């Protein structure tokens, strides 16, 4: 009788940095272990078996006057930790989980909450946030995305693939093959989002997707402060190579450090996770 291979582990690291210009950090990252009964916050680095629970990783980049952008991104993280376990529990009681429906419901709920606060309090008017979230299960990854943070996939054999689409005009042009990476980075409308949670947008249409993962696959979620400092080919190098033996920094730490050194004009956040043989 053939032996069933053991389920993989998930390894992760995360770091956020305010950059060298802005006085506060409107980026937030999240790392959770999740099942239908509870949610557990994870540290900045770690390793755990996928057989025991699901894992959720997310990056939010807030926007708005004063500190309302920071408030918006933290509200989004709070809603994820409260709403996702409840949605998972509700779905598993009745039928197999429809992950696109659960994630779409989550995004809509966050959007409604931010709009309500923006309409109710003058200091919150217009505040909003991006959201890029990955839900890692035993053999599949489900994701939801709104805005211009990014989700990348580096398969075991390469090359690096950007899974998320930037919700901006240059992002749309690049998706259509009408701009290359250099042209998109210098486009005059590169910072003007056409979708964000809250931010007085009446509707959002999140990008929802899924794919299989296998041991050796690596993923990166990062804010636009990282993209401002690092080109895709450098991100692929940093994801694909192991740290030097005398370098104690995690992969996320190395990515953020290099992005801030190269640019630093914006907050920079990275979460790196991978599927690994136990």
Foldseek 3Di string as FASTA:
>chain_A
DDDDAFFWKKWKAKDWDFFDADPDALKDKFKWWADLPAIDGDDRTDMDGLVVTKMKIKMKGKDDPDCLRSVLNVLLVVLCRVQLSPLRNVDVVPHPDPVVVSVVVSLVVSLVVLQVVLVPDVRSPQMFMWMWMWIGHRWKIKIKTWAAWWKWKAALVDDIDTPDFHQWPLSVCVVVVNDDPVCLLPPPGNPPGPTTRHSPDPDHDIDIDMDTHDARMKMKTKDVLLVNQDPSVVLRVLLVDDDDPPDPDDSFRVSQVRSSVRPRPGMIMMMMMGTHRD
